[in-house]
Amino acid sequence: QVQLAESGGGLVQAGGSLRLSCVASGRTFSSYAMGWFRQAPGKEREFLASCDWSGSRLLYTHSVKGRFTISRDNAKNTVYLQMNSLKPEDTAVYYCATQIATMWDNWGQGTQVTVSS
């Protein structure tokens, strides 16, 4: 079982940047594809980005493509989400998860990102 812990959220002005981190416990982190999601109040959880075990095969949802970048460091058991050109509509709780077959699992507790206009 992998446990995930997100950090790096906070309050930022529109146009600013944040880098989120997701640290995984356990020795099997490097075998998982990883993803980032977010959930805004009153909305469903939304897929943002994913990468395979090596940090390749990157996928992004349209709304963040060109602004957000997913990366990972398997030596540090960490996956990152670099977020640039932030908008007020990016305000949400951000989560990371592992991908097992076609399912996402091992959700972290989330980190709040608030973008002020």
PDB file of N, CA and C in Angstrom:
ATOM      1  N   GLN A   1       0.846  -1.196   0.000  1.00  0.00           N
ATOM      2  CA  GLN A   1       0.000   0.000   0.000  1.00  0.00           C
ATOM      3  C   GLN A   1       0.879   1.242   0.000  1.00  0.00           C
ATOM      4  N   VAL A   2       0.526   2.196  -0.828  1.00  0.00           N
ATOM      5  CA  VAL A   2       1.249   3.451  -0.919  1.00  0.00           C
ATOM      6  C   VAL A   2       0.433   4.536  -0.242  1.00  0.00           C
ATOM      7  N   GLN A   3       1.093   5.356   0.555  1.00  0.00           N
ATOM      8  CA  GLN A   3       0.448   6.527   1.148  1.00  0.00           C
ATOM      9  C   GLN A   3       1.033   7.781   0.518  1.00  0.00           C
ATOM     10  N   LEU A   4       0.140   8.710   0.180  1.00  0.00           N
ATOM     11  CA  LEU A   4       0.545   9.923  -0.511  1.00  0.00           C
ATOM     12  C   LEU A   4       0.249  11.143   0.342  1.00  0.00           C
ATOM     13  N   ALA A   5       1.130  12.141   0.275  1.00  0.00           N
ATOM     14  CA  ALA A   5       0.950  13.373   1.031  1.00  0.00           C
ATOM     15  C   ALA A   5       1.285  14.554   0.135  1.00  0.00           C
ATOM     16  N   GLU A   6       0.269  15.377  -0.140  1.00  0.00           N
ATOM     17  CA  GLU A   6       0.466  16.552  -0.970  1.00  0.00           C
ATOM     18  C   GLU A   6       0.857  17.756  -0.121  1.00  0.00           C
ATOM     19  N   SER A   7       1.590  18.663  -0.729  1.00  0.00           N
ATOM     20  CA  SER A   7       1.956  19.927  -0.081  1.00  0.00           C
ATOM     21  C   SER A   7       2.242  20.966  -1.152  1.00  0.00           C
ATOM     22  N   GLY A   8       2.395  22.212  -0.710  1.00  0.00           N
ATOM     23  CA  GLY A   8       2.767  23.270  -1.636  1.00  0.00           C
ATOM     24  C   GLY A   8       1.652  24.199  -2.024  1.00  0.00           C
ATOM     25  N   GLY A   9       0.443  23.903  -1.560  1.00  0.00           N
ATOM     26  CA  GLY A   9      -0.663  24.791  -1.864  1.00  0.00           C
ATOM     27  C   GLY A   9      -0.566  26.089  -1.085  1.00  0.00           C
ATOM     28  N   GLY A  10      -1.467  27.009  -1.404  1.00  0.00           N
ATOM     29  CA  GLY A  10      -1.474  28.287  -0.712  1.00  0.00           C
ATOM     30  C   GLY A  10      -2.303  29.305  -1.446  1.00  0.00           C
ATOM     31  N   LEU A  11      -2.141  30.554  -1.046  1.00  0.00           N
ATOM     32  CA  LEU A  11      -2.850  31.675  -1.657  1.00  0.00           C
ATOM     33  C   LEU A  11      -1.897  32.398  -2.596  1.00  0.00           C
ATOM     34  N   VAL A  12      -2.340  32.610  -3.822  1.00  0.00           N
ATOM     35  CA  VAL A  12      -1.511  33.277  -4.816  1.00  0.00           C
ATOM     36  C   VAL A  12      -2.384  34.188  -5.660  1.00  0.00           C
ATOM     37  N   GLN A  13      -1.811  35.261  -6.156  1.00  0.00           N
ATOM     38  CA  GLN A  13      -2.561  36.164  -7.031  1.00  0.00           C
ATOM     39  C   GLN A  13      -2.649  35.586  -8.445  1.00  0.00           C
ATOM     40  N   ALA A  14      -3.668  35.988  -9.147  1.00  0.00           N
ATOM     41  CA  ALA A  14      -3.821  35.558 -10.538  1.00  0.00           C
ATOM     42  C   ALA A  14      -2.561  35.914 -11.327  1.00  0.00           C
ATOM     43  N   GLY A  15      -2.133  34.975 -12.156  1.00  0.00           N
ATOM     44  CA  GLY A  15      -0.907  35.150 -12.913  1.00  0.00           C
ATOM     45  C   GLY A  15       0.317  34.575 -12.232  1.00  0.00           C
ATOM     46  N   GLY A  16       0.180  34.222 -10.962  1.00  0.00           N
ATOM     47  CA  GLY A  16       1.293  33.685 -10.209  1.00  0.00           C
ATOM     48  C   GLY A  16       1.511  32.205 -10.445  1.00  0.00           C
ATOM     49  N   SER A  17       2.459  31.651  -9.688  1.00  0.00           N
ATOM     50  CA  SER A  17       2.850  30.253  -9.840  1.00  0.00           C
ATOM     51  C   SER A  17       2.927  29.558  -8.485  1.00  0.00           C
ATOM     52  N   LEU A  18       2.712  28.273  -8.513  1.00  0.00           N
ATOM     53  CA  LEU A  18       2.921  27.405  -7.357  1.00  0.00           C
ATOM     54  C   LEU A  18       3.463  26.076  -7.859  1.00  0.00           C
ATOM     55  N   ARG A  19       4.221  25.405  -7.006  1.00  0.00           N
ATOM     56  CA  ARG A  19       4.635  24.049  -7.308  1.00  0.00           C
ATOM     57  C   ARG A  19       4.146  23.130  -6.198  1.00  0.00           C
ATOM     58  N   LEU A  20       3.310  22.204  -6.564  1.00  0.00           N
ATOM     59  CA  LEU A  20       2.805  21.207  -5.634  1.00  0.00           C
ATOM     60  C   LEU A  20       3.713  19.988  -5.636  1.00  0.00           C
ATOM     61  N   SER A  21       3.830  19.374  -4.468  1.00  0.00           N
ATOM     62  CA  SER A  21       4.595  18.147  -4.321  1.00  0.00           C
ATOM     63  C   SER A  21       3.697  17.057  -3.750  1.00  0.00           C
ATOM     64  N   CYS A  22       3.978  15.845  -4.118  1.00  0.00           N
ATOM     65  CA  CYS A  22       3.255  14.682  -3.593  1.00  0.00           C
ATOM     66  C   CYS A  22       4.310  13.632  -3.269  1.00  0.00           C
ATOM     67  N   VAL A  23       4.498  13.402  -1.983  1.00  0.00           N
ATOM     68  CA  VAL A  23       5.497  12.441  -1.528  1.00  0.00           C
ATOM     69  C   VAL A  23       4.819  11.122  -1.206  1.00  0.00           C
ATOM     70  N   ALA A  24       5.407  10.038  -1.687  1.00  0.00           N
ATOM     71  CA  ALA A  24       4.845   8.708  -1.484  1.00  0.00           C
ATOM     72  C   ALA A  24       5.691   7.903  -0.514  1.00  0.00           C
ATOM     73  N   SER A  25       5.011   7.174   0.346  1.00  0.00           N
ATOM     74  CA  SER A  25       5.708   6.215   1.195  1.00  0.00           C
ATOM     75  C   SER A  25       5.751   4.882   0.476  1.00  0.00           C
ATOM     76  N   GLY A  26       6.669   4.021   0.857  1.00  0.00           N
ATOM     77  CA  GLY A  26       6.739   2.703   0.251  1.00  0.00           C
ATOM     78  C   GLY A  26       7.774   2.629  -0.852  1.00  0.00           C
ATOM     79  N   ARG A  27       8.194   1.419  -1.144  1.00  0.00           N
ATOM     80  CA  ARG A  27       9.279   1.214  -2.086  1.00  0.00           C
ATOM     81  C   ARG A  27       8.802   0.967  -3.505  1.00  0.00           C
ATOM     82  N   THR A  28       7.489   0.976  -3.726  1.00  0.00           N
ATOM     83  CA  THR A  28       6.977   0.642  -5.046  1.00  0.00           C
ATOM     84  C   THR A  28       6.546   1.866  -5.843  1.00  0.00           C
ATOM     85  N   PHE A  29       6.870   3.065  -5.352  1.00  0.00           N
ATOM     86  CA  PHE A  29       6.424   4.297  -6.012  1.00  0.00           C
ATOM     87  C   PHE A  29       6.817   4.312  -7.481  1.00  0.00           C
ATOM     88  N   SER A  30       8.050   3.893  -7.788  1.00  0.00           N
ATOM     89  CA  SER A  30       8.539   4.010  -9.155  1.00  0.00           C
ATOM     90  C   SER A  30       7.821   3.089 -10.128  1.00  0.00           C
ATOM     91  N   SER A  31       7.005   2.184  -9.642  1.00  0.00           N
ATOM     92  CA  SER A  31       6.289   1.283 -10.537  1.00  0.00           C
ATOM     93  C   SER A  31       4.927   1.827 -10.950  1.00  0.00           C
ATOM     94  N   TYR A  32       4.494   2.926 -10.335  1.00  0.00           N
ATOM     95  CA  TYR A  32       3.162   3.469 -10.582  1.00  0.00           C
ATOM     96  C   TYR A  32       3.175   4.638 -11.560  1.00  0.00           C
ATOM     97  N   ALA A  33       2.178   4.676 -12.417  1.00  0.00           N
ATOM     98  CA  ALA A  33       1.835   5.927 -13.068  1.00  0.00           C
ATOM     99  C   ALA A  33       1.193   6.818 -12.015  1.00  0.00           C
ATOM    100  N   MET A  34       1.371   8.133 -12.154  1.00  0.00           N
ATOM    101  CA  MET A  34       0.865   9.077 -11.154  1.00  0.00           C
ATOM    102  C   MET A  34       0.023  10.145 -11.825  1.00  0.00           C
ATOM    103  N   GLY A  35      -0.924  10.663 -11.055  1.00  0.00           N
ATOM    104  CA  GLY A  35      -1.785  11.699 -11.602  1.00  0.00           C
ATOM    105  C   GLY A  35      -2.097  12.778 -10.587  1.00  0.00           C
ATOM    106  N   TRP A  36      -2.476  13.932 -11.121  1.00  0.00           N
ATOM    107  CA  TRP A  36      -2.955  15.047 -10.306  1.00  0.00           C
ATOM    108  C   TRP A  36      -4.409  15.340 -10.671  1.00  0.00           C
ATOM    109  N   PHE A  37      -5.185  15.654  -9.656  1.00  0.00           N
ATOM    110  CA  PHE A  37      -6.595  15.969  -9.799  1.00  0.00           C
ATOM    111  C   PHE A  37      -6.904  17.197  -8.941  1.00  0.00           C
ATOM    112  N   ARG A  38      -8.065  17.761  -9.145  1.00  0.00           N
ATOM    113  CA  ARG A  38      -8.515  18.834  -8.260  1.00  0.00           C
ATOM    114  C   ARG A  38     -10.030  18.764  -8.106  1.00  0.00           C
ATOM    115  N   GLN A  39     -10.491  19.351  -7.010  1.00  0.00           N
ATOM    116  CA  GLN A  39     -11.931  19.417  -6.763  1.00  0.00           C
ATOM    117  C   GLN A  39     -12.263  20.783  -6.194  1.00  0.00           C
ATOM    118  N   ALA A  40     -13.066  21.518  -6.922  1.00  0.00           N
ATOM    119  CA  ALA A  40     -13.540  22.813  -6.469  1.00  0.00           C
ATOM    120  C   ALA A  40     -14.854  22.629  -5.723  1.00  0.00           C
ATOM    121  N   PRO A  41     -15.226  23.567  -4.851  1.00  0.00           N
ATOM    122  CA  PRO A  41     -16.479  23.444  -4.090  1.00  0.00           C
ATOM    123  C   PRO A  41     -17.672  23.273  -5.015  1.00  0.00           C
ATOM    124  N   GLY A  42     -18.468  22.261  -4.713  1.00  0.00           N
ATOM    125  CA  GLY A  42     -19.671  22.012  -5.484  1.00  0.00           C
ATOM    126  C   GLY A  42     -19.454  21.359  -6.826  1.00  0.00           C
ATOM    127  N   LYS A  43     -18.209  20.975  -7.114  1.00  0.00           N
ATOM    128  CA  LYS A  43     -17.906  20.350  -8.398  1.00  0.00           C
ATOM    129  C   LYS A  43     -17.313  18.969  -8.192  1.00  0.00           C
ATOM    130  N   GLU A  44     -17.335  18.165  -9.261  1.00  0.00           N
ATOM    131  CA  GLU A  44     -16.742  16.840  -9.201  1.00  0.00           C
ATOM    132  C   GLU A  44     -15.220  16.925  -9.303  1.00  0.00           C
ATOM    133  N   ARG A  45     -14.568  15.884  -8.828  1.00  0.00           N
ATOM    134  CA  ARG A  45     -13.117  15.814  -8.957  1.00  0.00           C
ATOM    135  C   ARG A  45     -12.745  15.755 -10.431  1.00  0.00           C
ATOM    136  N   GLU A  46     -11.727  16.520 -10.795  1.00  0.00           N
ATOM    137  CA  GLU A  46     -11.341  16.699 -12.193  1.00  0.00           C
ATOM    138  C   GLU A  46      -9.905  16.222 -12.411  1.00  0.00           C
ATOM    139  N   PHE A  47      -9.702  15.405 -13.439  1.00  0.00           N
ATOM    140  CA  PHE A  47      -8.366  14.990 -13.828  1.00  0.00           C
ATOM    141  C   PHE A  47      -7.612  16.178 -14.413  1.00  0.00           C
ATOM    142  N   LEU A  48      -6.337  16.318 -14.021  1.00  0.00           N
ATOM    143  CA  LEU A  48      -5.510  17.404 -14.547  1.00  0.00           C
ATOM    144  C   LEU A  48      -4.364  16.898 -15.411  1.00  0.00           C
ATOM    145  N   ALA A  49      -3.580  15.962 -14.872  1.00  0.00           N
ATOM    146  CA  ALA A  49      -2.366  15.547 -15.565  1.00  0.00           C
ATOM    147  C   ALA A  49      -1.916  14.193 -15.049  1.00  0.00           C
ATOM    148  N   SER A  50      -1.169  13.471 -15.881  1.00  0.00           N
ATOM    149  CA  SER A  50      -0.608  12.199 -15.451  1.00  0.00           C
ATOM    150  C   SER A  50       0.704  11.945 -16.176  1.00  0.00           C
ATOM    151  N   CYS A  51       1.495  11.044 -15.598  1.00  0.00           N
ATOM    152  CA  CYS A  51       2.726  10.594 -16.238  1.00  0.00           C
ATOM    153  C   CYS A  51       2.917   9.122 -15.906  1.00  0.00           C
ATOM    154  N   ASP A  52       3.687   8.427 -16.728  1.00  0.00           N
ATOM    155  CA  ASP A  52       3.937   7.024 -16.450  1.00  0.00           C
ATOM    156  C   ASP A  52       5.047   6.887 -15.415  1.00  0.00           C
ATOM    157  N   TRP A  53       5.491   5.664 -15.162  1.00  0.00           N
ATOM    158  CA  TRP A  53       6.448   5.398 -14.094  1.00  0.00           C
ATOM    159  C   TRP A  53       7.764   6.126 -14.302  1.00  0.00           C
ATOM    160  N   SER A  54       8.102   6.405 -15.569  1.00  0.00           N
ATOM    161  CA  SER A  54       9.389   7.046 -15.858  1.00  0.00           C
ATOM    162  C   SER A  54       9.272   8.560 -15.990  1.00  0.00           C
ATOM    163  N   GLY A  55       8.080   9.075 -15.870  1.00  0.00           N
ATOM    164  CA  GLY A  55       7.889  10.509 -16.073  1.00  0.00           C
ATOM    165  C   GLY A  55       7.584  10.880 -17.509  1.00  0.00           C
ATOM    166  N   SER A  56       7.367   9.877 -18.332  1.00  0.00           N
ATOM    167  CA  SER A  56       7.029  10.102 -19.731  1.00  0.00           C
ATOM    168  C   SER A  56       5.534   9.882 -19.938  1.00  0.00           C
ATOM    169  N   ARG A  57       5.132   9.794 -21.195  1.00  0.00           N
ATOM    170  CA  ARG A  57       3.720   9.597 -21.566  1.00  0.00           C
ATOM    171  C   ARG A  57       2.846  10.559 -20.775  1.00  0.00           C
ATOM    172  N   LEU A  58       3.090  11.864 -20.988  1.00  0.00           N
ATOM    173  CA  LEU A  58       2.389  12.897 -20.258  1.00  0.00           C
ATOM    174  C   LEU A  58       1.018  13.149 -20.870  1.00  0.00           C
ATOM    175  N   LEU A  59       0.047  13.300 -20.010  1.00  0.00           N
ATOM    176  CA  LEU A  59      -1.310  13.650 -20.433  1.00  0.00           C
ATOM    177  C   LEU A  59      -1.780  14.848 -19.619  1.00  0.00           C
ATOM    178  N   TYR A  60      -2.496  15.763 -20.272  1.00  0.00           N
ATOM    179  CA  TYR A  60      -3.042  16.940 -19.604  1.00  0.00           C
ATOM    180  C   TYR A  60      -4.464  17.168 -20.061  1.00  0.00           C
ATOM    181  N   THR A  61      -5.276  17.655 -19.149  1.00  0.00           N
ATOM    182  CA  THR A  61      -6.585  18.102 -19.564  1.00  0.00           C
ATOM    183  C   THR A  61      -6.442  19.450 -20.262  1.00  0.00           C
ATOM    184  N   HIS A  62      -7.385  19.760 -21.125  1.00  0.00           N
ATOM    185  CA  HIS A  62      -7.257  20.941 -21.983  1.00  0.00           C
ATOM    186  C   HIS A  62      -7.089  22.235 -21.195  1.00  0.00           C
ATOM    187  N   SER A  63      -7.792  22.339 -20.072  1.00  0.00           N
ATOM    188  CA  SER A  63      -7.822  23.608 -19.346  1.00  0.00           C
ATOM    189  C   SER A  63      -6.484  23.978 -18.713  1.00  0.00           C
ATOM    190  N   VAL A  64      -5.579  23.017 -18.557  1.00  0.00           N
ATOM    191  CA  VAL A  64      -4.293  23.308 -17.916  1.00  0.00           C
ATOM    192  C   VAL A  64      -3.112  23.113 -18.855  1.00  0.00           C
ATOM    193  N   LYS A  65      -3.357  22.583 -20.041  1.00  0.00           N
ATOM    194  CA  LYS A  65      -2.259  22.320 -20.975  1.00  0.00           C
ATOM    195  C   LYS A  65      -1.557  23.623 -21.332  1.00  0.00           C
ATOM    196  N   GLY A  66      -0.232  23.607 -21.234  1.00  0.00           N
ATOM    197  CA  GLY A  66       0.549  24.805 -21.501  1.00  0.00           C
ATOM    198  C   GLY A  66       0.790  25.661 -20.274  1.00  0.00           C
ATOM    199  N   ARG A  67       0.053  25.429 -19.208  1.00  0.00           N
ATOM    200  CA  ARG A  67       0.241  26.183 -17.956  1.00  0.00           C
ATOM    201  C   ARG A  67       0.786  25.310 -16.844  1.00  0.00           C
ATOM    202  N   PHE A  68       0.353  24.049 -16.786  1.00  0.00           N
ATOM    203  CA  PHE A  68       0.773  23.129 -15.734  1.00  0.00           C
ATOM    204  C   PHE A  68       1.724  22.089 -16.325  1.00  0.00           C
ATOM    205  N   THR A  69       2.679  21.647 -15.483  1.00  0.00           N
ATOM    206  CA  THR A  69       3.626  20.614 -15.897  1.00  0.00           C
ATOM    207  C   THR A  69       3.774  19.581 -14.797  1.00  0.00           C
ATOM    208  N   ILE A  70       3.552  18.322 -15.145  1.00  0.00           N
ATOM    209  CA  ILE A  70       3.754  17.228 -14.207  1.00  0.00           C
ATOM    210  C   ILE A  70       5.149  16.652 -14.408  1.00  0.00           C
ATOM    211  N   SER A  71       5.784  16.295 -13.296  1.00  0.00           N
ATOM    212  CA  SER A  71       7.101  15.652 -13.360  1.00  0.00           C
ATOM    213  C   SER A  71       7.258  14.790 -12.116  1.00  0.00           C
ATOM    214  N   ARG A  72       8.275  13.956 -12.116  1.00  0.00           N
ATOM    215  CA  ARG A  72       8.491  13.100 -10.954  1.00  0.00           C
ATOM    216  C   ARG A  72       9.978  12.857 -10.751  1.00  0.00           C
ATOM    217  N   ASP A  73      10.308  12.553  -9.501  1.00  0.00           N
ATOM    218  CA  ASP A  73      11.663  12.182  -9.128  1.00  0.00           C
ATOM    219  C   ASP A  73      11.552  10.886  -8.340  1.00  0.00           C
ATOM    220  N   ASN A  74      11.811   9.767  -8.991  1.00  0.00           N
ATOM    221  CA  ASN A  74      11.632   8.472  -8.329  1.00  0.00           C
ATOM    222  C   ASN A  74      12.620   8.266  -7.191  1.00  0.00           C
ATOM    223  N   ALA A  75      13.765   8.906  -7.253  1.00  0.00           N
ATOM    224  CA  ALA A  75      14.732   8.793  -6.167  1.00  0.00           C
ATOM    225  C   ALA A  75      14.205   9.450  -4.890  1.00  0.00           C
ATOM    226  N   LYS A  76      13.308  10.408  -5.054  1.00  0.00           N
ATOM    227  CA  LYS A  76      12.723  11.107  -3.904  1.00  0.00           C
ATOM    228  C   LYS A  76      11.291  10.680  -3.649  1.00  0.00           C
ATOM    229  N   ASN A  77      10.799   9.677  -4.394  1.00  0.00           N
ATOM    230  CA  ASN A  77       9.409   9.221  -4.236  1.00  0.00           C
ATOM    231  C   ASN A  77       8.423  10.385  -4.329  1.00  0.00           C
ATOM    232  N   THR A  78       8.663  11.280  -5.254  1.00  0.00           N
ATOM    233  CA  THR A  78       7.871  12.503  -5.323  1.00  0.00           C
ATOM    234  C   THR A  78       7.425  12.790  -6.750  1.00  0.00           C
ATOM    235  N   VAL A  79       6.181  13.232  -6.857  1.00  0.00           N
ATOM    236  CA  VAL A  79       5.660  13.747  -8.120  1.00  0.00           C
ATOM    237  C   VAL A  79       5.289  15.208  -7.897  1.00  0.00           C
ATOM    238  N   TYR A  80       5.525  16.020  -8.906  1.00  0.00           N
ATOM    239  CA  TYR A  80       5.320  17.463  -8.809  1.00  0.00           C
ATOM    240  C   TYR A  80       4.266  17.930  -9.803  1.00  0.00           C
ATOM    241  N   LEU A  81       3.678  19.080  -9.476  1.00  0.00           N
ATOM    242  CA  LEU A  81       2.823  19.773 -10.434  1.00  0.00           C
ATOM    243  C   LEU A  81       3.221  21.240 -10.394  1.00  0.00           C
ATOM    244  N   GLN A  82       3.913  21.681 -11.428  1.00  0.00           N
ATOM    245  CA  GLN A  82       4.268  23.083 -11.557  1.00  0.00           C
ATOM    246  C   GLN A  82       3.104  23.799 -12.219  1.00  0.00           C
ATOM    247  N   MET A  83       2.593  24.823 -11.550  1.00  0.00           N
ATOM    248  CA  MET A  83       1.416  25.543 -12.036  1.00  0.00           C
ATOM    249  C   MET A  83       1.785  26.998 -12.280  1.00  0.00           C
ATOM    250  N   ASN A  84       1.693  27.418 -13.512  1.00  0.00           N
ATOM    251  CA  ASN A  84       2.003  28.789 -13.903  1.00  0.00           C
ATOM    252  C   ASN A  84       0.751  29.482 -14.437  1.00  0.00           C
ATOM    253  N   SER A  85       0.817  30.792 -14.521  1.00  0.00           N
ATOM    254  CA  SER A  85      -0.301  31.590 -15.057  1.00  0.00           C
ATOM    255  C   SER A  85      -1.614  31.195 -14.396  1.00  0.00           C
ATOM    256  N   LEU A  86      -1.603  31.134 -13.092  1.00  0.00           N
ATOM    257  CA  LEU A  86      -2.786  30.682 -12.362  1.00  0.00           C
ATOM    258  C   LEU A  86      -3.946  31.652 -12.511  1.00  0.00           C
ATOM    259  N   LYS A  87      -5.154  31.076 -12.527  1.00  0.00           N
ATOM    260  CA  LYS A  87      -6.385  31.840 -12.694  1.00  0.00           C
ATOM    261  C   LYS A  87      -7.283  31.598 -11.496  1.00  0.00           C
ATOM    262  N   PRO A  88      -8.196  32.518 -11.214  1.00  0.00           N
ATOM    263  CA  PRO A  88      -9.122  32.279 -10.093  1.00  0.00           C
ATOM    264  C   PRO A  88      -9.879  30.959 -10.228  1.00  0.00           C
ATOM    265  N   GLU A  89     -10.174  30.535 -11.433  1.00  0.00           N
ATOM    266  CA  GLU A  89     -10.895  29.275 -11.617  1.00  0.00           C
ATOM    267  C   GLU A  89     -10.034  28.041 -11.333  1.00  0.00           C
ATOM    268  N   ASP A  90      -8.751  28.232 -11.057  1.00  0.00           N
ATOM    269  CA  ASP A  90      -7.899  27.125 -10.627  1.00  0.00           C
ATOM    270  C   ASP A  90      -8.038  26.862  -9.126  1.00  0.00           C
ATOM    271  N   THR A  91      -8.780  27.690  -8.426  1.00  0.00           N
ATOM    272  CA  THR A  91      -8.988  27.503  -6.993  1.00  0.00           C
ATOM    273  C   THR A  91      -9.679  26.181  -6.724  1.00  0.00           C
ATOM    274  N   ALA A  92      -9.061  25.344  -5.896  1.00  0.00           N
ATOM    275  CA  ALA A  92      -9.589  24.009  -5.614  1.00  0.00           C
ATOM    276  C   ALA A  92      -8.666  23.327  -4.608  1.00  0.00           C
ATOM    277  N   VAL A  93      -9.104  22.160  -4.164  1.00  0.00           N
ATOM    278  CA  VAL A  93      -8.217  21.258  -3.431  1.00  0.00           C
ATOM    279  C   VAL A  93      -7.577  20.327  -4.457  1.00  0.00           C
ATOM    280  N   TYR A  94      -6.265  20.227  -4.401  1.00  0.00           N
ATOM    281  CA  TYR A  94      -5.503  19.439  -5.366  1.00  0.00           C
ATOM    282  C   TYR A  94      -5.040  18.130  -4.727  1.00  0.00           C
ATOM    283  N   TYR A  95      -5.202  17.050  -5.480  1.00  0.00           N
ATOM    284  CA  TYR A  95      -4.882  15.708  -5.010  1.00  0.00           C
ATOM    285  C   TYR A  95      -3.951  14.993  -5.986  1.00  0.00           C
ATOM    286  N   CYS A  96      -3.135  14.102  -5.445  1.00  0.00           N
ATOM    287  CA  CYS A  96      -2.402  13.178  -6.295  1.00  0.00           C
ATOM    288  C   CYS A  96      -2.932  11.767  -6.034  1.00  0.00           C
ATOM    289  N   ALA A  97      -2.644  10.888  -6.972  1.00  0.00           N
ATOM    290  CA  ALA A  97      -3.112   9.508  -6.865  1.00  0.00           C
ATOM    291  C   ALA A  97      -2.219   8.610  -7.704  1.00  0.00           C
ATOM    292  N   THR A  98      -2.214   7.336  -7.357  1.00  0.00           N
ATOM    293  CA  THR A  98      -1.521   6.337  -8.161  1.00  0.00           C
ATOM    294  C   THR A  98      -2.508   5.702  -9.137  1.00  0.00           C
ATOM    295  N   GLN A  99      -1.976   5.253 -10.267  1.00  0.00           N
ATOM    296  CA  GLN A  99      -2.828   4.576 -11.234  1.00  0.00           C
ATOM    297  C   GLN A  99      -2.522   3.082 -11.212  1.00  0.00           C
ATOM    298  N   ILE A 100      -3.568   2.296 -11.013  1.00  0.00           N
ATOM    299  CA  ILE A 100      -3.446   0.852 -11.005  1.00  0.00           C
ATOM    300  C   ILE A 100      -4.383   0.323 -12.093  1.00  0.00           C
ATOM    301  N   ALA A 101      -3.812  -0.233 -13.140  1.00  0.00           N
ATOM    302  CA  ALA A 101      -4.583  -0.611 -14.339  1.00  0.00           C
ATOM    303  C   ALA A 101      -5.272   0.650 -14.848  1.00  0.00           C
ATOM    304  N   THR A 102      -6.585   0.660 -14.884  1.00  0.00           N
ATOM    305  CA  THR A 102      -7.310   1.839 -15.375  1.00  0.00           C
ATOM    306  C   THR A 102      -7.923   2.648 -14.249  1.00  0.00           C
ATOM    307  N   MET A 103      -7.581   2.323 -13.005  1.00  0.00           N
ATOM    308  CA  MET A 103      -8.206   2.983 -11.864  1.00  0.00           C
ATOM    309  C   MET A 103      -7.187   3.836 -11.111  1.00  0.00           C
ATOM    310  N   TRP A 104      -7.698   4.906 -10.506  1.00  0.00           N
ATOM    311  CA  TRP A 104      -6.889   5.765  -9.646  1.00  0.00           C
ATOM    312  C   TRP A 104      -7.147   5.396  -8.199  1.00  0.00           C
ATOM    313  N   ASP A 105      -6.069   5.332  -7.413  1.00  0.00           N
ATOM    314  CA  ASP A 105      -6.187   4.850  -6.042  1.00  0.00           C
ATOM    315  C   ASP A 105      -5.154   5.555  -5.165  1.00  0.00           C
ATOM    316  N   ASN A 106      -5.205   5.256  -3.863  1.00  0.00           N
ATOM    317  CA  ASN A 106      -4.244   5.781  -2.884  1.00  0.00           C
ATOM    318  C   ASN A 106      -4.240   7.302  -2.860  1.00  0.00           C
ATOM    319  N   TRP A 107      -5.406   7.900  -2.745  1.00  0.00           N
ATOM    320  CA  TRP A 107      -5.521   9.348  -2.754  1.00  0.00           C
ATOM    321  C   TRP A 107      -4.859   9.954  -1.522  1.00  0.00           C
ATOM    322  N   GLY A 108      -4.202  11.112  -1.744  1.00  0.00           N
ATOM    323  CA  GLY A 108      -3.680  11.862  -0.625  1.00  0.00           C
ATOM    324  C   GLY A 108      -4.787  12.675   0.035  1.00  0.00           C
ATOM    325  N   GLN A 109      -4.408  13.481   1.039  1.00  0.00           N
ATOM    326  CA  GLN A 109      -5.390  14.274   1.778  1.00  0.00           C
ATOM    327  C   GLN A 109      -5.728  15.581   1.070  1.00  0.00           C
ATOM    328  N   GLY A 110      -4.912  15.940   0.084  1.00  0.00           N
ATOM    329  CA  GLY A 110      -5.166  17.146  -0.686  1.00  0.00           C
ATOM    330  C   GLY A 110      -4.461  18.368  -0.125  1.00  0.00           C
ATOM    331  N   THR A 111      -4.266  19.350  -0.986  1.00  0.00           N
ATOM    332  CA  THR A 111      -3.682  20.631  -0.585  1.00  0.00           C
ATOM    333  C   THR A 111      -4.485  21.744  -1.249  1.00  0.00           C
ATOM    334  N   GLN A 112      -4.836  22.764  -0.476  1.00  0.00           N
ATOM    335  CA  GLN A 112      -5.698  23.834  -0.971  1.00  0.00           C
ATOM    336  C   GLN A 112      -4.902  24.848  -1.778  1.00  0.00           C
ATOM    337  N   VAL A 113      -5.416  25.170  -2.947  1.00  0.00           N
ATOM    338  CA  VAL A 113      -4.869  26.243  -3.773  1.00  0.00           C
ATOM    339  C   VAL A 113      -5.961  27.289  -3.949  1.00  0.00           C
ATOM    340  N   THR A 114      -5.633  28.522  -3.605  1.00  0.00           N
ATOM    341  CA  THR A 114      -6.575  29.624  -3.761  1.00  0.00           C
ATOM    342  C   THR A 114      -5.917  30.714  -4.594  1.00  0.00           C
ATOM    343  N   VAL A 115      -6.576  31.080  -5.679  1.00  0.00           N
ATOM    344  CA  VAL A 115      -6.053  32.103  -6.587  1.00  0.00           C
ATOM    345  C   VAL A 115      -6.967  33.317  -6.513  1.00  0.00           C
ATOM    346  N   SER A 116      -6.404  34.428  -6.089  1.00  0.00           N
ATOM    347  CA  SER A 116      -7.189  35.656  -5.963  1.00  0.00           C
ATOM    348  C   SER A 116      -7.095  36.480  -7.242  1.00  0.00           C
ATOM    349  N   SER A 117      -8.169  37.194  -7.516  1.00  0.00           N
ATOM    350  CA  SER A 117      -8.217  38.006  -8.743  1.00  0.00           C
ATOM    351  C   SER A 117      -7.681  39.410  -8.503  1.00  0.00           C
TER     352      SER A 117
END
